[in-house]
Amino acid sequence: MTASTTSNAKGFFAELAQQRWDDHRYYHHSRVNQSLHLLSAICFLGVYASVVFYPAYAAIIGWIVPMWVRQIGHFFFEPKGFDTVNDATFEHKEEIKLGYNLHRKVLLLTAWASVPVVLWLSPTGFGQMEPFVGAGGWVDRVGLVWLALAGIGLLARGLWLAVTHNLQTGAVWVTKILTDPFNDIKTYYRAPLFLMRGEMIDPMEHVQQR
């Protein structure tokens, strides 16, 4: 391995650590949100394990269970006022977010919710696919399209970041998203314990001390 390759690898993992750190300190103050991310991460590991064997059903479970569990945490439990820990407004954090902020998440989830309706009204997807047969075929088709939507959403945002920032930032973000379940378990495994103790908001002392 050359010095240049080693330097590039170090830069990649340093940026990955930074993106994870920013995601944590900006968007995971609520212990409920942290706990829901832990639950979501565990479910996603099951989805990862089954997607090779049952891609359509893995996608259905992935979108309905762990994805929604994560988003409920962000939409309903994460504080949206002024962030005294990071000295930043919620609007500023939404503006600088590399990935899907709440507005972009609404657009993505709207596209997700429209898939079953569109396929029910047009089994061929307006002439783009072979027609499915029966309710089972519809479920299978919905799952496969949802899987494709997940891939498109991931790659499209990664390419956008590659164009607007740089190639490494886009690649790091895609890597971060794919490995979030593992990192969330490592980061938030104690969140339910804090929640049971009545601590609704992480004091983020480790952020303030950094």
N, C-alpha and C. Protein backbone atom coordinates (compact mmCIF):
# COMPACT_ATOMS: atom_id res chain seq x y z
N MET A 1 0.84 -1.19 0.00
CA MET A 1 0.00 0.00 0.00
C MET A 1 0.88 1.25 0.00
N THR A 2 0.70 2.14 -0.96
CA THR A 2 1.51 3.34 -1.09
C THR A 2 1.12 4.37 -0.04
N ALA A 3 2.00 5.37 0.11
CA ALA A 3 1.72 6.44 1.08
C ALA A 3 0.47 7.21 0.69
N SER A 4 0.27 7.38 -0.64
CA SER A 4 -0.91 8.10 -1.13
C SER A 4 -2.18 7.34 -0.80
N THR A 5 -2.14 6.01 -1.00
CA THR A 5 -3.30 5.18 -0.71
C THR A 5 -3.62 5.20 0.78
N THR A 6 -2.58 5.11 1.60
CA THR A 6 -2.77 5.15 3.05
C THR A 6 -3.37 6.47 3.49
N SER A 7 -2.88 7.56 2.88
CA SER A 7 -3.38 8.89 3.21
C SER A 7 -4.85 9.04 2.81
N ASN A 8 -5.19 8.52 1.62
CA ASN A 8 -6.58 8.58 1.16
C ASN A 8 -7.50 7.79 2.08
N ALA A 9 -7.03 6.61 2.50
CA ALA A 9 -7.84 5.78 3.40
C ALA A 9 -8.05 6.48 4.73
N LYS A 10 -6.99 7.10 5.25
CA LYS A 10 -7.10 7.82 6.52
C LYS A 10 -8.07 8.99 6.38
N GLY A 11 -7.99 9.68 5.24
CA GLY A 11 -8.89 10.80 5.00
C GLY A 11 -10.34 10.35 4.91
N PHE A 12 -10.57 9.20 4.27
CA PHE A 12 -11.91 8.65 4.12
C PHE A 12 -12.50 8.33 5.49
N PHE A 13 -11.75 7.61 6.31
CA PHE A 13 -12.28 7.19 7.61
C PHE A 13 -12.36 8.36 8.58
N ALA A 14 -11.49 9.35 8.41
CA ALA A 14 -11.60 10.55 9.25
C ALA A 14 -12.89 11.30 8.92
N GLU A 15 -13.22 11.40 7.64
CA GLU A 15 -14.46 12.09 7.26
C GLU A 15 -15.68 11.27 7.68
N LEU A 16 -15.57 9.95 7.60
CA LEU A 16 -16.67 9.09 8.05
C LEU A 16 -16.93 9.32 9.54
N ALA A 17 -15.86 9.38 10.33
CA ALA A 17 -16.01 9.64 11.76
C ALA A 17 -16.63 11.01 12.01
N GLN A 18 -16.24 12.00 11.20
CA GLN A 18 -16.77 13.35 11.37
C GLN A 18 -18.24 13.42 11.01
N GLN A 19 -18.63 12.76 9.92
CA GLN A 19 -20.05 12.75 9.54
C GLN A 19 -20.89 12.06 10.61
N ARG A 20 -20.39 10.98 11.16
CA ARG A 20 -21.12 10.30 12.23
C ARG A 20 -21.22 11.19 13.46
N TRP A 21 -20.14 11.88 13.79
CA TRP A 21 -20.13 12.75 14.95
C TRP A 21 -21.12 13.90 14.78
N ASP A 22 -21.12 14.52 13.61
CA ASP A 22 -22.04 15.63 13.35
C ASP A 22 -23.49 15.16 13.39
N ASP A 23 -23.73 13.97 12.85
CA ASP A 23 -25.09 13.43 12.87
C ASP A 23 -25.56 13.22 14.31
N HIS A 24 -24.67 12.70 15.13
CA HIS A 24 -25.03 12.46 16.53
C HIS A 24 -25.26 13.76 17.28
N ARG A 25 -24.32 14.69 17.21
CA ARG A 25 -24.40 15.89 18.04
C ARG A 25 -25.49 16.85 17.59
N TYR A 26 -25.84 16.82 16.32
CA TYR A 26 -26.87 17.72 15.81
C TYR A 26 -28.28 17.13 15.90
N TYR A 27 -28.41 15.82 15.65
CA TYR A 27 -29.74 15.28 15.37
C TYR A 27 -30.20 14.16 16.30
N HIS A 28 -29.47 13.91 17.41
CA HIS A 28 -29.87 12.81 18.29
C HIS A 28 -29.75 13.21 19.75
N HIS A 29 -30.44 14.28 20.12
CA HIS A 29 -30.45 14.73 21.51
C HIS A 29 -31.48 13.98 22.34
N SER A 30 -32.59 13.60 21.73
CA SER A 30 -33.67 12.94 22.45
C SER A 30 -33.31 11.50 22.78
N ARG A 31 -33.49 11.12 24.05
CA ARG A 31 -33.24 9.72 24.43
C ARG A 31 -34.28 8.80 23.78
N VAL A 32 -35.48 9.31 23.53
CA VAL A 32 -36.49 8.51 22.82
C VAL A 32 -36.01 8.26 21.40
N ASN A 33 -35.53 9.30 20.76
CA ASN A 33 -35.02 9.17 19.39
C ASN A 33 -33.84 8.19 19.35
N GLN A 34 -32.95 8.31 20.32
CA GLN A 34 -31.81 7.39 20.38
C GLN A 34 -32.28 5.94 20.56
N SER A 35 -33.26 5.75 21.43
CA SER A 35 -33.78 4.39 21.68
C SER A 35 -34.46 3.83 20.45
N LEU A 36 -35.20 4.68 19.75
CA LEU A 36 -35.86 4.24 18.52
C LEU A 36 -34.83 3.92 17.45
N HIS A 37 -33.72 4.65 17.41
CA HIS A 37 -32.65 4.33 16.46
C HIS A 37 -32.01 2.99 16.81
N LEU A 38 -31.90 2.71 18.08
CA LEU A 38 -31.36 1.40 18.49
C LEU A 38 -32.27 0.28 18.01
N LEU A 39 -33.57 0.43 18.24
CA LEU A 39 -34.53 -0.57 17.78
C LEU A 39 -34.50 -0.69 16.26
N SER A 40 -34.46 0.43 15.59
CA SER A 40 -34.41 0.44 14.13
C SER A 40 -33.16 -0.28 13.63
N ALA A 41 -32.03 -0.01 14.27
CA ALA A 41 -30.77 -0.62 13.85
C ALA A 41 -30.81 -2.14 13.96
N ILE A 42 -31.36 -2.63 15.05
CA ILE A 42 -31.47 -4.09 15.24
C ILE A 42 -32.35 -4.69 14.15
N CYS A 43 -33.47 -4.01 13.83
CA CYS A 43 -34.36 -4.49 12.78
C CYS A 43 -33.66 -4.46 11.41
N PHE A 44 -32.89 -3.42 11.18
CA PHE A 44 -32.19 -3.31 9.90
C PHE A 44 -31.17 -4.42 9.71
N LEU A 45 -30.56 -4.88 10.77
CA LEU A 45 -29.62 -6.00 10.65
C LEU A 45 -30.35 -7.24 10.15
N GLY A 46 -31.58 -7.44 10.61
CA GLY A 46 -32.38 -8.55 10.10
C GLY A 46 -32.72 -8.36 8.64
N VAL A 47 -33.01 -7.12 8.25
CA VAL A 47 -33.29 -6.82 6.84
C VAL A 47 -32.06 -7.10 6.00
N TYR A 48 -30.89 -6.67 6.45
CA TYR A 48 -29.65 -6.92 5.72
C TYR A 48 -29.42 -8.42 5.52
N ALA A 49 -29.72 -9.19 6.57
CA ALA A 49 -29.47 -10.63 6.51
C ALA A 49 -30.41 -11.33 5.54
N SER A 50 -31.61 -10.76 5.34
CA SER A 50 -32.62 -11.45 4.51
C SER A 50 -32.75 -10.89 3.10
N VAL A 51 -32.15 -9.73 2.82
CA VAL A 51 -32.39 -9.09 1.53
C VAL A 51 -31.85 -9.92 0.37
N VAL A 52 -30.81 -10.68 0.58
CA VAL A 52 -30.25 -11.50 -0.49
C VAL A 52 -31.20 -12.65 -0.85
N PHE A 53 -31.90 -13.18 0.15
CA PHE A 53 -32.76 -14.34 -0.06
C PHE A 53 -34.20 -13.94 -0.40
N TYR A 54 -34.69 -12.90 0.23
CA TYR A 54 -36.07 -12.46 0.02
C TYR A 54 -36.10 -10.94 -0.19
N PRO A 55 -35.58 -10.46 -1.31
CA PRO A 55 -35.41 -9.01 -1.50
C PRO A 55 -36.70 -8.21 -1.38
N ALA A 56 -37.79 -8.70 -1.97
CA ALA A 56 -39.04 -7.94 -1.93
C ALA A 56 -39.57 -7.81 -0.51
N TYR A 57 -39.60 -8.92 0.21
CA TYR A 57 -40.15 -8.90 1.56
C TYR A 57 -39.21 -8.20 2.54
N ALA A 58 -37.90 -8.31 2.30
CA ALA A 58 -36.95 -7.58 3.13
C ALA A 58 -37.15 -6.08 2.96
N ALA A 59 -37.41 -5.64 1.73
CA ALA A 59 -37.64 -4.22 1.47
C ALA A 59 -38.93 -3.74 2.14
N ILE A 60 -39.96 -4.56 2.08
CA ILE A 60 -41.23 -4.19 2.72
C ILE A 60 -41.04 -4.03 4.22
N ILE A 61 -40.38 -5.00 4.85
CA ILE A 61 -40.14 -4.92 6.29
C ILE A 61 -39.24 -3.72 6.60
N GLY A 62 -38.21 -3.54 5.77
CA GLY A 62 -37.26 -2.45 6.00
C GLY A 62 -37.90 -1.08 5.95
N TRP A 63 -38.78 -0.87 4.99
CA TRP A 63 -39.44 0.42 4.87
C TRP A 63 -40.50 0.63 5.95
N ILE A 64 -41.27 -0.41 6.26
CA ILE A 64 -42.39 -0.24 7.17
C ILE A 64 -41.97 -0.23 8.64
N VAL A 65 -41.00 -1.07 9.00
CA VAL A 65 -40.64 -1.16 10.42
C VAL A 65 -39.44 -0.26 10.77
N PRO A 66 -38.21 -0.65 10.44
CA PRO A 66 -37.08 0.17 10.93
C PRO A 66 -37.02 1.57 10.36
N MET A 67 -37.41 1.76 9.09
CA MET A 67 -37.35 3.10 8.52
C MET A 67 -38.33 4.04 9.23
N TRP A 68 -39.56 3.57 9.42
CA TRP A 68 -40.55 4.42 10.09
C TRP A 68 -40.22 4.64 11.56
N VAL A 69 -39.66 3.64 12.20
CA VAL A 69 -39.26 3.81 13.60
C VAL A 69 -38.23 4.93 13.72
N ARG A 70 -37.27 4.97 12.79
CA ARG A 70 -36.26 6.03 12.80
C ARG A 70 -36.88 7.41 12.58
N GLN A 71 -37.76 7.46 11.60
CA GLN A 71 -38.32 8.77 11.24
C GLN A 71 -39.28 9.30 12.30
N ILE A 72 -39.98 8.42 12.98
CA ILE A 72 -40.84 8.86 14.09
C ILE A 72 -39.99 9.56 15.15
N GLY A 73 -38.81 8.99 15.41
CA GLY A 73 -37.92 9.62 16.38
C GLY A 73 -37.51 11.02 15.97
N HIS A 74 -37.19 11.20 14.70
CA HIS A 74 -36.76 12.50 14.22
C HIS A 74 -37.91 13.50 14.15
N PHE A 75 -39.04 13.06 13.62
CA PHE A 75 -40.14 13.98 13.39
C PHE A 75 -40.85 14.41 14.68
N PHE A 76 -40.99 13.48 15.62
CA PHE A 76 -41.86 13.74 16.77
C PHE A 76 -41.14 13.91 18.11
N PHE A 77 -39.92 13.45 18.23
CA PHE A 77 -39.26 13.49 19.54
C PHE A 77 -38.01 14.36 19.59
N GLU A 78 -37.37 14.56 18.45
CA GLU A 78 -36.14 15.35 18.46
C GLU A 78 -36.47 16.84 18.64
N PRO A 79 -35.80 17.53 19.57
CA PRO A 79 -36.07 18.96 19.79
C PRO A 79 -35.81 19.77 18.52
N LYS A 80 -36.65 20.75 18.27
CA LYS A 80 -36.52 21.57 17.06
C LYS A 80 -36.34 23.05 17.39
N GLY A 81 -36.03 23.34 18.64
CA GLY A 81 -35.76 24.71 19.02
C GLY A 81 -34.28 25.03 18.86
N PHE A 82 -33.84 26.10 19.50
CA PHE A 82 -32.44 26.49 19.42
C PHE A 82 -31.57 25.47 20.14
N ASP A 83 -30.49 25.05 19.48
CA ASP A 83 -29.59 24.04 20.01
C ASP A 83 -28.47 24.74 20.78
N THR A 84 -28.58 24.77 22.11
CA THR A 84 -27.57 25.46 22.92
C THR A 84 -26.26 24.68 22.97
N VAL A 85 -26.33 23.37 22.78
CA VAL A 85 -25.12 22.55 22.81
C VAL A 85 -24.19 22.93 21.66
N ASN A 86 -24.78 23.08 20.48
CA ASN A 86 -23.99 23.39 19.29
C ASN A 86 -24.10 24.85 18.85
N ASP A 87 -24.84 25.65 19.64
CA ASP A 87 -25.04 27.07 19.33
C ASP A 87 -25.55 27.24 17.90
N ALA A 88 -26.63 26.53 17.59
CA ALA A 88 -27.16 26.56 16.23
C ALA A 88 -28.68 26.49 16.25
N THR A 89 -29.30 27.16 15.32
CA THR A 89 -30.75 27.08 15.19
C THR A 89 -31.11 25.78 14.46
N PHE A 90 -32.35 25.36 14.65
CA PHE A 90 -32.82 24.17 13.94
C PHE A 90 -32.78 24.40 12.43
N GLU A 91 -33.14 25.61 12.00
CA GLU A 91 -33.14 25.94 10.58
C GLU A 91 -31.73 25.84 10.00
N HIS A 92 -30.74 26.29 10.75
CA HIS A 92 -29.35 26.20 10.28
C HIS A 92 -28.92 24.75 10.14
N LYS A 93 -29.28 23.93 11.10
CA LYS A 93 -28.91 22.52 11.04
C LYS A 93 -29.57 21.82 9.84
N GLU A 94 -30.82 22.17 9.58
CA GLU A 94 -31.51 21.59 8.43
C GLU A 94 -30.85 22.04 7.12
N GLU A 95 -30.36 23.27 7.10
CA GLU A 95 -29.74 23.80 5.88
C GLU A 95 -28.40 23.14 5.57
N ILE A 96 -27.62 22.84 6.61
CA ILE A 96 -26.28 22.30 6.39
C ILE A 96 -26.25 20.78 6.38
N LYS A 97 -27.37 20.13 6.66
CA LYS A 97 -27.39 18.66 6.73
C LYS A 97 -26.99 18.05 5.40
N LEU A 98 -26.04 17.15 5.43
CA LEU A 98 -25.57 16.53 4.20
C LEU A 98 -26.60 15.58 3.62
N GLY A 99 -27.24 14.82 4.48
CA GLY A 99 -28.17 13.81 4.00
C GLY A 99 -29.57 14.34 3.82
N TYR A 100 -30.54 13.51 4.21
CA TYR A 100 -31.94 13.88 4.06
C TYR A 100 -32.42 14.66 5.27
N ASN A 101 -32.63 15.98 5.10
CA ASN A 101 -33.25 16.75 6.17
C ASN A 101 -34.74 16.45 6.18
N LEU A 102 -35.49 17.09 7.08
CA LEU A 102 -36.91 16.74 7.22
C LEU A 102 -37.69 17.00 5.93
N HIS A 103 -37.36 18.08 5.24
CA HIS A 103 -38.07 18.37 3.98
C HIS A 103 -37.81 17.29 2.94
N ARG A 104 -36.55 16.93 2.78
CA ARG A 104 -36.24 15.89 1.78
C ARG A 104 -36.81 14.54 2.20
N LYS A 105 -36.88 14.28 3.51
CA LYS A 105 -37.47 13.04 3.99
C LYS A 105 -38.96 12.98 3.65
N VAL A 106 -39.65 14.11 3.78
CA VAL A 106 -41.07 14.15 3.42
C VAL A 106 -41.25 13.79 1.95
N LEU A 107 -40.41 14.33 1.09
CA LEU A 107 -40.49 14.03 -0.34
C LEU A 107 -40.23 12.54 -0.60
N LEU A 108 -39.22 12.00 0.06
CA LEU A 108 -38.88 10.59 -0.12
C LEU A 108 -40.01 9.70 0.38
N LEU A 109 -40.56 10.00 1.54
CA LEU A 109 -41.64 9.19 2.11
C LEU A 109 -42.93 9.33 1.31
N THR A 110 -43.13 10.49 0.69
CA THR A 110 -44.29 10.66 -0.19
C THR A 110 -44.16 9.76 -1.41
N ALA A 111 -42.96 9.71 -1.98
CA ALA A 111 -42.70 8.81 -3.11
C ALA A 111 -42.91 7.36 -2.69
N TRP A 112 -42.43 7.02 -1.49
CA TRP A 112 -42.59 5.66 -0.97
C TRP A 112 -44.08 5.30 -0.83
N ALA A 113 -44.87 6.21 -0.26
CA ALA A 113 -46.28 5.92 -0.03
C ALA A 113 -47.07 5.84 -1.33
N SER A 114 -46.58 6.50 -2.37
CA SER A 114 -47.31 6.50 -3.64
C SER A 114 -47.13 5.20 -4.43
N VAL A 115 -46.07 4.45 -4.14
CA VAL A 115 -45.77 3.25 -4.92
C VAL A 115 -46.91 2.23 -4.89
N PRO A 116 -47.43 1.82 -3.71
CA PRO A 116 -48.52 0.84 -3.70
C PRO A 116 -49.76 1.31 -4.45
N VAL A 117 -50.06 2.61 -4.33
CA VAL A 117 -51.24 3.15 -5.00
C VAL A 117 -51.06 3.13 -6.50
N VAL A 118 -49.90 3.58 -6.96
CA VAL A 118 -49.63 3.62 -8.40
C VAL A 118 -49.68 2.22 -9.00
N LEU A 119 -49.07 1.25 -8.31
CA LEU A 119 -49.04 -0.11 -8.84
C LEU A 119 -50.42 -0.78 -8.78
N TRP A 120 -51.24 -0.37 -7.83
CA TRP A 120 -52.60 -0.90 -7.77
C TRP A 120 -53.43 -0.36 -8.93
N LEU A 121 -53.26 0.92 -9.22
CA LEU A 121 -54.02 1.55 -10.30
C LEU A 121 -53.47 1.17 -11.67
N SER A 122 -52.17 0.95 -11.75
CA SER A 122 -51.54 0.59 -13.02
C SER A 122 -50.56 -0.55 -12.78
N PRO A 123 -50.99 -1.79 -12.92
CA PRO A 123 -50.12 -2.95 -12.65
C PRO A 123 -48.83 -2.96 -13.47
N THR A 124 -48.82 -2.27 -14.59
CA THR A 124 -47.60 -2.23 -15.42
C THR A 124 -46.75 -1.00 -15.12
N GLY A 125 -47.15 -0.21 -14.14
CA GLY A 125 -46.40 1.01 -13.87
C GLY A 125 -46.41 1.93 -15.08
N PHE A 126 -47.63 2.11 -15.66
CA PHE A 126 -47.81 2.93 -16.86
C PHE A 126 -46.95 2.44 -18.02
N GLY A 127 -46.93 1.11 -18.16
CA GLY A 127 -46.26 0.50 -19.30
C GLY A 127 -44.77 0.27 -19.13
N GLN A 128 -44.25 0.47 -17.93
CA GLN A 128 -42.81 0.32 -17.71
C GLN A 128 -42.41 -1.07 -17.24
N MET A 129 -43.40 -1.91 -16.83
CA MET A 129 -43.10 -3.23 -16.30
C MET A 129 -44.11 -4.25 -16.80
N GLU A 130 -43.76 -5.50 -16.65
CA GLU A 130 -44.71 -6.56 -16.95
C GLU A 130 -45.79 -6.57 -15.87
N PRO A 131 -47.05 -6.85 -16.23
CA PRO A 131 -48.11 -6.86 -15.22
C PRO A 131 -47.92 -8.00 -14.22
N PHE A 132 -48.26 -7.75 -12.97
CA PHE A 132 -48.19 -8.80 -11.95
C PHE A 132 -49.52 -9.55 -11.93
N VAL A 133 -49.53 -10.68 -11.22
CA VAL A 133 -50.73 -11.50 -11.14
C VAL A 133 -51.18 -11.60 -9.69
N GLY A 134 -52.40 -11.17 -9.39
CA GLY A 134 -52.99 -11.34 -8.06
C GLY A 134 -52.39 -10.44 -7.00
N ALA A 135 -52.96 -10.58 -5.79
CA ALA A 135 -52.53 -9.76 -4.66
C ALA A 135 -51.08 -10.07 -4.27
N GLY A 136 -50.72 -11.35 -4.37
CA GLY A 136 -49.35 -11.73 -4.03
C GLY A 136 -48.35 -11.09 -4.98
N GLY A 137 -48.71 -11.04 -6.24
CA GLY A 137 -47.84 -10.40 -7.23
C GLY A 137 -47.71 -8.91 -6.97
N TRP A 138 -48.81 -8.30 -6.53
CA TRP A 138 -48.78 -6.87 -6.21
C TRP A 138 -47.86 -6.60 -5.02
N VAL A 139 -47.95 -7.42 -3.99
CA VAL A 139 -47.09 -7.25 -2.82
C VAL A 139 -45.63 -7.41 -3.21
N ASP A 140 -45.34 -8.43 -4.00
CA ASP A 140 -43.97 -8.67 -4.44
C ASP A 140 -43.45 -7.49 -5.27
N ARG A 141 -44.28 -6.97 -6.16
CA ARG A 141 -43.88 -5.84 -7.00
C ARG A 141 -43.64 -4.59 -6.17
N VAL A 142 -44.51 -4.35 -5.21
CA VAL A 142 -44.34 -3.19 -4.32
C VAL A 142 -42.99 -3.29 -3.60
N GLY A 143 -42.68 -4.47 -3.09
CA GLY A 143 -41.42 -4.66 -2.37
C GLY A 143 -40.22 -4.39 -3.25
N LEU A 144 -40.25 -4.89 -4.48
CA LEU A 144 -39.12 -4.69 -5.39
C LEU A 144 -38.96 -3.22 -5.79
N VAL A 145 -40.08 -2.55 -6.00
CA VAL A 145 -39.99 -1.12 -6.34
C VAL A 145 -39.51 -0.32 -5.13
N TRP A 146 -39.95 -0.70 -3.93
CA TRP A 146 -39.46 -0.02 -2.73
C TRP A 146 -37.96 -0.24 -2.57
N LEU A 147 -37.48 -1.44 -2.90
CA LEU A 147 -36.05 -1.72 -2.83
C LEU A 147 -35.29 -0.83 -3.82
N ALA A 148 -35.85 -0.71 -5.02
CA ALA A 148 -35.24 0.16 -6.02
C ALA A 148 -35.25 1.61 -5.57
N LEU A 149 -36.34 2.04 -4.95
CA LEU A 149 -36.44 3.41 -4.45
C LEU A 149 -35.37 3.68 -3.40
N ALA A 150 -35.14 2.71 -2.52
CA ALA A 150 -34.10 2.87 -1.50
C ALA A 150 -32.74 3.04 -2.16
N GLY A 151 -32.45 2.20 -3.16
CA GLY A 151 -31.17 2.31 -3.87
C GLY A 151 -31.02 3.63 -4.60
N ILE A 152 -32.10 4.06 -5.26
CA ILE A 152 -32.06 5.32 -5.99
C ILE A 152 -31.88 6.49 -5.03
N GLY A 153 -32.62 6.48 -3.91
CA GLY A 153 -32.50 7.55 -2.93
C GLY A 153 -31.10 7.64 -2.36
N LEU A 154 -30.48 6.48 -2.13
CA LEU A 154 -29.12 6.45 -1.58
C LEU A 154 -28.12 6.96 -2.60
N LEU A 155 -28.17 6.42 -3.82
CA LEU A 155 -27.19 6.78 -4.84
C LEU A 155 -27.38 8.20 -5.34
N ALA A 156 -28.63 8.64 -5.46
CA ALA A 156 -28.88 9.99 -5.96
C ALA A 156 -28.31 11.04 -5.01
N ARG A 157 -28.54 10.86 -3.71
CA ARG A 157 -28.00 11.82 -2.75
C ARG A 157 -26.48 11.73 -2.70
N GLY A 158 -25.94 10.52 -2.80
CA GLY A 158 -24.48 10.37 -2.81
C GLY A 158 -23.86 11.07 -4.01
N LEU A 159 -24.47 10.93 -5.19
CA LEU A 159 -23.96 11.60 -6.38
C LEU A 159 -24.10 13.11 -6.27
N TRP A 160 -25.20 13.57 -5.67
CA TRP A 160 -25.39 15.01 -5.48
C TRP A 160 -24.29 15.58 -4.60
N LEU A 161 -23.95 14.87 -3.53
CA LEU A 161 -22.88 15.32 -2.65
C LEU A 161 -21.53 15.26 -3.35
N ALA A 162 -21.34 14.26 -4.21
CA ALA A 162 -20.09 14.17 -4.97
C ALA A 162 -19.93 15.37 -5.89
N VAL A 163 -21.03 15.83 -6.48
CA VAL A 163 -20.99 16.96 -7.40
C VAL A 163 -20.87 18.28 -6.65
N THR A 164 -21.65 18.45 -5.58
CA THR A 164 -21.69 19.73 -4.87
C THR A 164 -20.57 19.87 -3.84
N HIS A 165 -20.00 18.77 -3.38
CA HIS A 165 -18.88 18.81 -2.44
C HIS A 165 -17.65 18.19 -3.08
N ASN A 166 -17.52 16.88 -2.96
CA ASN A 166 -16.46 16.16 -3.66
C ASN A 166 -16.79 14.67 -3.64
N LEU A 167 -16.06 13.91 -4.43
CA LEU A 167 -16.36 12.48 -4.57
C LEU A 167 -16.25 11.75 -3.24
N GLN A 168 -15.24 12.10 -2.44
CA GLN A 168 -15.07 11.41 -1.17
C GLN A 168 -16.25 11.66 -0.24
N THR A 169 -16.73 12.89 -0.18
CA THR A 169 -17.87 13.20 0.70
C THR A 169 -19.09 12.38 0.32
N GLY A 170 -19.35 12.26 -0.99
CA GLY A 170 -20.47 11.45 -1.44
C GLY A 170 -20.30 9.99 -1.08
N ALA A 171 -19.10 9.45 -1.30
CA ALA A 171 -18.83 8.04 -0.99
C ALA A 171 -18.89 7.79 0.52
N VAL A 172 -18.39 8.74 1.29
CA VAL A 172 -18.42 8.60 2.76
C VAL A 172 -19.85 8.59 3.24
N TRP A 173 -20.68 9.48 2.70
CA TRP A 173 -22.08 9.54 3.15
C TRP A 173 -22.81 8.24 2.84
N VAL A 174 -22.62 7.68 1.65
CA VAL A 174 -23.25 6.41 1.30
C VAL A 174 -22.78 5.32 2.27
N THR A 175 -21.48 5.29 2.54
CA THR A 175 -20.93 4.30 3.48
C THR A 175 -21.54 4.49 4.87
N LYS A 176 -21.67 5.75 5.29
CA LYS A 176 -22.25 6.03 6.60
C LYS A 176 -23.68 5.49 6.70
N ILE A 177 -24.49 5.76 5.69
CA ILE A 177 -25.88 5.32 5.71
C ILE A 177 -25.96 3.80 5.79
N LEU A 178 -25.17 3.12 4.98
CA LEU A 178 -25.21 1.65 4.95
C LEU A 178 -24.72 1.04 6.26
N THR A 179 -23.82 1.71 6.95
CA THR A 179 -23.27 1.16 8.19
C THR A 179 -23.91 1.77 9.44
N ASP A 180 -24.88 2.66 9.26
CA ASP A 180 -25.55 3.28 10.41
C ASP A 180 -26.11 2.27 11.41
N PRO A 181 -26.73 1.17 10.95
CA PRO A 181 -27.26 0.22 11.95
C PRO A 181 -26.20 -0.29 12.93
N PHE A 182 -25.00 -0.58 12.42
CA PHE A 182 -23.93 -1.06 13.29
C PHE A 182 -23.47 0.05 14.24
N ASN A 183 -23.31 1.25 13.70
CA ASN A 183 -22.85 2.37 14.52
C ASN A 183 -23.91 2.79 15.54
N ASP A 184 -25.19 2.72 15.16
CA ASP A 184 -26.25 3.11 16.09
C ASP A 184 -26.31 2.17 17.29
N ILE A 185 -26.11 0.89 17.04
CA ILE A 185 -26.10 -0.06 18.16
C ILE A 185 -24.95 0.25 19.10
N LYS A 186 -23.78 0.54 18.53
CA LYS A 186 -22.60 0.87 19.33
C LYS A 186 -22.79 2.16 20.11
N THR A 187 -23.47 3.15 19.50
CA THR A 187 -23.60 4.48 20.10
C THR A 187 -24.76 4.58 21.08
N TYR A 188 -25.88 3.90 20.77
CA TYR A 188 -27.11 4.13 21.53
C TYR A 188 -27.58 2.93 22.34
N TYR A 189 -26.73 1.95 22.58
CA TYR A 189 -27.18 0.75 23.28
C TYR A 189 -27.61 1.06 24.72
N ARG A 190 -27.13 2.16 25.27
CA ARG A 190 -27.50 2.51 26.66
C ARG A 190 -28.68 3.48 26.71
N ALA A 191 -29.14 3.95 25.58
CA ALA A 191 -30.21 4.96 25.57
C ALA A 191 -31.47 4.51 26.31
N PRO A 192 -31.95 3.26 26.12
CA PRO A 192 -33.16 2.85 26.86
C PRO A 192 -32.98 2.90 28.37
N LEU A 193 -31.76 2.62 28.85
CA LEU A 193 -31.49 2.67 30.28
C LEU A 193 -31.62 4.11 30.79
N PHE A 194 -31.05 5.07 30.07
CA PHE A 194 -31.19 6.46 30.47
C PHE A 194 -32.65 6.90 30.43
N LEU A 195 -33.37 6.41 29.43
CA LEU A 195 -34.78 6.76 29.29
C LEU A 195 -35.59 6.23 30.47
N MET A 196 -35.31 5.01 30.89
CA MET A 196 -36.02 4.42 32.03
C MET A 196 -35.72 5.17 33.33
N ARG A 197 -34.58 5.83 33.37
CA ARG A 197 -34.22 6.63 34.54
C ARG A 197 -34.89 8.01 34.51
N GLY A 198 -35.64 8.27 33.44
CA GLY A 198 -36.35 9.54 33.34
C GLY A 198 -35.60 10.63 32.60
N GLU A 199 -34.47 10.30 32.00
CA GLU A 199 -33.69 11.30 31.25
C GLU A 199 -34.20 11.34 29.81
N MET A 200 -34.96 12.38 29.49
CA MET A 200 -35.56 12.49 28.16
C MET A 200 -34.62 13.09 27.13
N ILE A 201 -33.68 13.93 27.59
CA ILE A 201 -32.75 14.59 26.68
C ILE A 201 -31.31 14.27 27.09
N ASP A 202 -30.51 13.88 26.14
CA ASP A 202 -29.09 13.64 26.39
C ASP A 202 -28.42 14.98 26.72
N PRO A 203 -27.77 15.11 27.86
CA PRO A 203 -27.12 16.39 28.20
C PRO A 203 -25.97 16.74 27.27
N MET A 204 -25.49 15.77 26.51
CA MET A 204 -24.45 16.00 25.51
C MET A 204 -23.19 16.62 26.13
N GLU A 205 -22.85 16.20 27.33
CA GLU A 205 -21.65 16.73 27.97
C GLU A 205 -20.39 16.38 27.17
N HIS A 206 -20.40 15.23 26.53
CA HIS A 206 -19.25 14.82 25.73
C HIS A 206 -19.07 15.72 24.51
N VAL A 207 -20.18 16.30 24.03
CA VAL A 207 -20.10 17.24 22.91
C VAL A 207 -19.52 18.57 23.39
N GLN A 208 -20.00 19.05 24.52
CA GLN A 208 -19.57 20.34 25.05
C GLN A 208 -18.11 20.32 25.46
N GLN A 209 -17.62 19.14 25.86
CA GLN A 209 -16.24 19.03 26.31
C GLN A 209 -15.26 18.85 25.16
N ARG A 210 -15.79 18.57 23.98
CA ARG A 210 -14.89 18.26 22.85
C ARG A 210 -14.37 19.54 22.20
